[in-house]
Structure formats: structure tokens, C-alpha cells
Amino acid sequence: MAPTPSRTRADYRHFAPIQTRWRDNDAYAHINNVVYYSFFDTVVNGFLVAEGALDVEKSNVIGLVVETGCRYFAPAAFPDSLEGGLRVAHIGNSSVRYEIGLFKEAGTEPLAEGHFVHVYVDRESRRPAPLSEILKSALGKIRAAD
């Protein structure tokens, strides 16, 4: 029995378009599972850059992924146009749990639900660092209501 999504489009706070590419398809003629993780990373980091909470080259504090997961519900394939929904489920002192839903355009049920946890660390020492005020402000905009 296939798993059932736990969220719908309405549960996400931010959306980003994702255009699939020919090379995303695998031998089974659908988007390969590892590509979904690239989509997740793009949605999260695109949001952080747009909010001014991340400068990929210069930020003193960076987020390292320490946990990740994905549940798949329906396939996608090139040339599908997708949207990545983003929400924050938990904000700690130096960590954040992001949740991402991937949807076909205008779809209400996700094709996949994923999550990952960033631990924010000093770029040089790699020791945990407290979340900056600008990051907390950005995360507050997409924090889950439930």
C-alpha cells in the first residue's frame, strides 16, 4: 500500500518554481529519487538567499545538513513543471527543520514530502553557532502554524 501525504499545498508558506530537465529522468522514465534532494536544497537555499539570510560565499555562519528524508507518492517526469512548497517545522538555538512538498503546478497533493535539518555552524571552526536575527526573521515568515 502506498503512503498517504501528511500535508497539502495549504500547509506550506513559500513556493518556488522548479522546471524539470531531460537529464532528471532515469531509466524508468521518471525523475530519479536523488534529484528530489537537489530540488529540496534549491528551494530552501533559494529562499534563504532571497531573504538576505545566506551569502553562499561570504556568510560567517553556514547550515550543514545533519538529517534528511523523503516520502514519494506519485511520479514526476520531464517536462513537468513543479513547485516546491517550504515551511519550517522547528527552530532551535542553532538548528532548523525544513519541510518541503513537491507539487505539480496547481496540484493540491504533493508528489513527495521531504525534510532536512540544518545545524548552523561557524564557517571556519564548524562549531554550532546561534541563529542570526536576520535568519530568525526569515524563518518566522515560513514557520508552520501547527
Protein backbone atom coordinates (compact mmCIF):
# COMPACT_ATOMS: atom_id res chain seq x y z
CA MET A 1 0.00 0.00 0.00
CA ALA A 2 1.36 3.43 -0.98
CA PRO A 3 1.90 6.00 1.78
CA THR A 4 -0.51 8.93 2.07
CA PRO A 5 0.76 12.51 2.11
CA SER A 6 0.54 14.17 5.50
CA ARG A 7 0.24 17.71 4.08
CA THR A 8 -1.45 19.62 1.27
CA ARG A 9 -0.43 22.77 -0.60
CA ALA A 10 -2.20 24.89 2.04
CA ASP A 11 0.28 23.72 4.71
CA TYR A 12 3.27 25.38 3.04
CA ARG A 13 4.21 29.06 3.41
CA HIS A 14 6.56 29.73 0.47
CA PHE A 15 6.62 28.35 -3.08
CA ALA A 16 9.33 28.24 -5.72
CA PRO A 17 9.02 27.07 -9.33
CA ILE A 18 11.08 24.06 -10.41
CA GLN A 19 11.46 23.18 -14.07
CA THR A 20 12.41 19.57 -14.58
CA ARG A 21 15.16 18.80 -17.08
CA TRP A 22 15.61 15.95 -19.55
CA ARG A 23 18.55 14.62 -17.53
CA ASP A 24 16.40 14.38 -14.37
CA ASN A 25 14.61 11.31 -15.80
CA ASP A 26 16.05 7.90 -15.07
CA ALA A 27 15.81 4.58 -16.92
CA TYR A 28 12.27 4.13 -15.57
CA ALA A 29 11.15 7.36 -17.31
CA HIS A 30 10.51 9.38 -14.16
CA ILE A 31 12.51 11.80 -12.02
CA ASN A 32 15.20 9.88 -10.17
CA ASN A 33 14.91 9.89 -6.38
CA VAL A 34 18.25 11.65 -5.81
CA VAL A 35 17.08 14.61 -7.92
CA TYR A 36 14.33 15.31 -5.39
CA TYR A 37 17.01 16.14 -2.81
CA SER A 38 18.52 18.66 -5.21
CA PHE A 39 15.07 20.23 -5.59
CA PHE A 40 14.72 20.44 -1.79
CA ASP A 41 18.12 22.09 -1.41
CA THR A 42 17.33 24.57 -4.19
CA VAL A 43 14.01 25.59 -2.61
CA VAL A 44 15.50 26.11 0.87
CA ASN A 45 18.70 27.87 -0.15
CA GLY A 46 16.92 29.97 -2.80
CA PHE A 47 14.58 31.23 -0.08
CA LEU A 48 17.45 31.99 2.32
CA VAL A 49 19.43 33.88 -0.35
CA ALA A 50 16.36 35.87 -1.43
CA GLU A 51 15.68 36.82 2.20
CA GLY A 52 19.27 38.00 2.73
CA ALA A 53 19.84 35.29 5.34
CA LEU A 54 22.55 33.47 3.37
CA ASP A 55 25.51 34.62 1.32
CA VAL A 56 26.86 31.35 -0.04
CA GLU A 57 30.41 32.65 -0.44
CA LYS A 58 30.76 35.05 2.49
CA SER A 59 28.43 34.17 5.37
CA ASN A 60 30.33 33.54 8.60
CA VAL A 61 27.70 31.00 9.61
CA ILE A 62 26.60 28.19 7.29
CA GLY A 63 23.99 25.45 7.51
CA LEU A 64 25.14 21.83 7.40
CA VAL A 65 22.60 19.11 6.70
CA VAL A 66 22.60 16.55 9.53
CA GLU A 67 19.35 14.72 8.76
CA THR A 68 17.23 14.23 5.68
CA GLY A 69 14.32 12.16 4.47
CA CYS A 70 11.75 11.85 1.70
CA ARG A 71 8.47 10.03 1.09
CA TYR A 72 7.29 9.58 -2.51
CA PHE A 73 3.63 9.48 -3.51
CA ALA A 74 3.41 9.97 -7.28
CA PRO A 75 5.95 10.24 -10.09
CA ALA A 76 7.09 13.32 -11.96
CA ALA A 77 8.92 13.33 -15.28
CA PHE A 78 10.42 15.77 -17.74
CA PRO A 79 8.91 18.12 -18.97
CA ASP A 80 6.75 18.58 -15.83
CA SER A 81 6.76 21.99 -14.22
CA LEU A 82 6.81 21.62 -10.45
CA GLU A 83 6.58 23.86 -7.42
CA GLY A 84 8.41 23.36 -4.17
CA GLY A 85 6.47 24.32 -1.06
CA LEU A 86 8.52 25.25 2.00
CA ARG A 87 7.79 25.52 5.70
CA VAL A 88 9.80 25.48 8.91
CA ALA A 89 8.67 22.91 11.45
CA HIS A 90 11.17 23.64 14.23
CA ILE A 91 13.60 26.41 15.13
CA GLY A 92 16.24 25.64 17.75
CA ASN A 93 19.23 27.62 19.04
CA SER A 94 21.45 26.56 16.15
CA SER A 95 19.24 24.22 14.14
CA VAL A 96 16.23 24.34 11.84
CA ARG A 97 13.96 21.61 10.48
CA TYR A 98 12.75 22.47 6.97
CA GLU A 99 9.86 20.61 5.35
CA ILE A 100 9.37 20.62 1.61
CA GLY A 101 6.46 19.44 -0.54
CA LEU A 102 6.85 18.99 -4.28
CA PHE A 103 3.73 19.66 -6.34
CA LYS A 104 2.74 19.63 -9.96
CA GLU A 105 1.64 23.12 -10.99
CA ALA A 106 -1.68 23.90 -9.31
CA GLY A 107 -1.74 20.45 -7.67
CA THR A 108 -3.00 20.27 -4.10
CA GLU A 109 -1.48 16.90 -3.12
CA PRO A 110 2.31 16.58 -3.03
CA LEU A 111 4.20 14.19 -5.28
CA ALA A 112 6.76 13.93 -2.48
CA GLU A 113 7.33 15.26 1.03
CA GLY A 114 10.82 15.79 2.30
CA HIS A 115 12.64 17.30 5.21
CA PHE A 116 16.09 18.18 6.29
CA VAL A 117 17.69 19.60 9.38
CA HIS A 118 20.35 22.27 9.13
CA VAL A 119 22.71 22.81 12.03
CA TYR A 120 24.19 26.27 11.67
CA VAL A 121 27.92 26.37 12.33
CA ASP A 122 30.80 28.82 12.15
CA ARG A 123 32.25 28.52 8.63
CA GLU A 124 35.83 28.17 9.92
CA SER A 125 35.57 26.19 13.16
CA ARG A 126 32.49 24.13 12.17
CA ARG A 127 31.22 24.56 15.74
CA PRO A 128 27.49 25.23 16.28
CA ALA A 129 26.56 28.90 16.12
CA PRO A 130 23.36 30.64 17.24
CA LEU A 131 20.89 31.60 14.53
CA SER A 132 21.29 35.21 13.42
CA GLU A 133 18.44 37.69 13.83
CA ILE A 134 18.07 38.03 10.04
CA LEU A 135 17.82 34.23 9.72
CA LYS A 136 15.27 34.02 12.55
CA SER A 137 13.23 36.76 10.88
CA ALA A 138 13.24 34.93 7.54
CA LEU A 139 12.34 31.62 9.18
CA GLY A 140 9.47 33.27 11.04
CA LYS A 141 7.83 34.05 7.69
CA ILE A 142 7.56 30.35 6.81
CA ARG A 143 7.13 28.80 10.25
CA ALA A 144 4.42 26.16 10.32
CA ALA A 145 1.24 27.02 12.13
CA ASP A 146 0.77 23.52 13.51
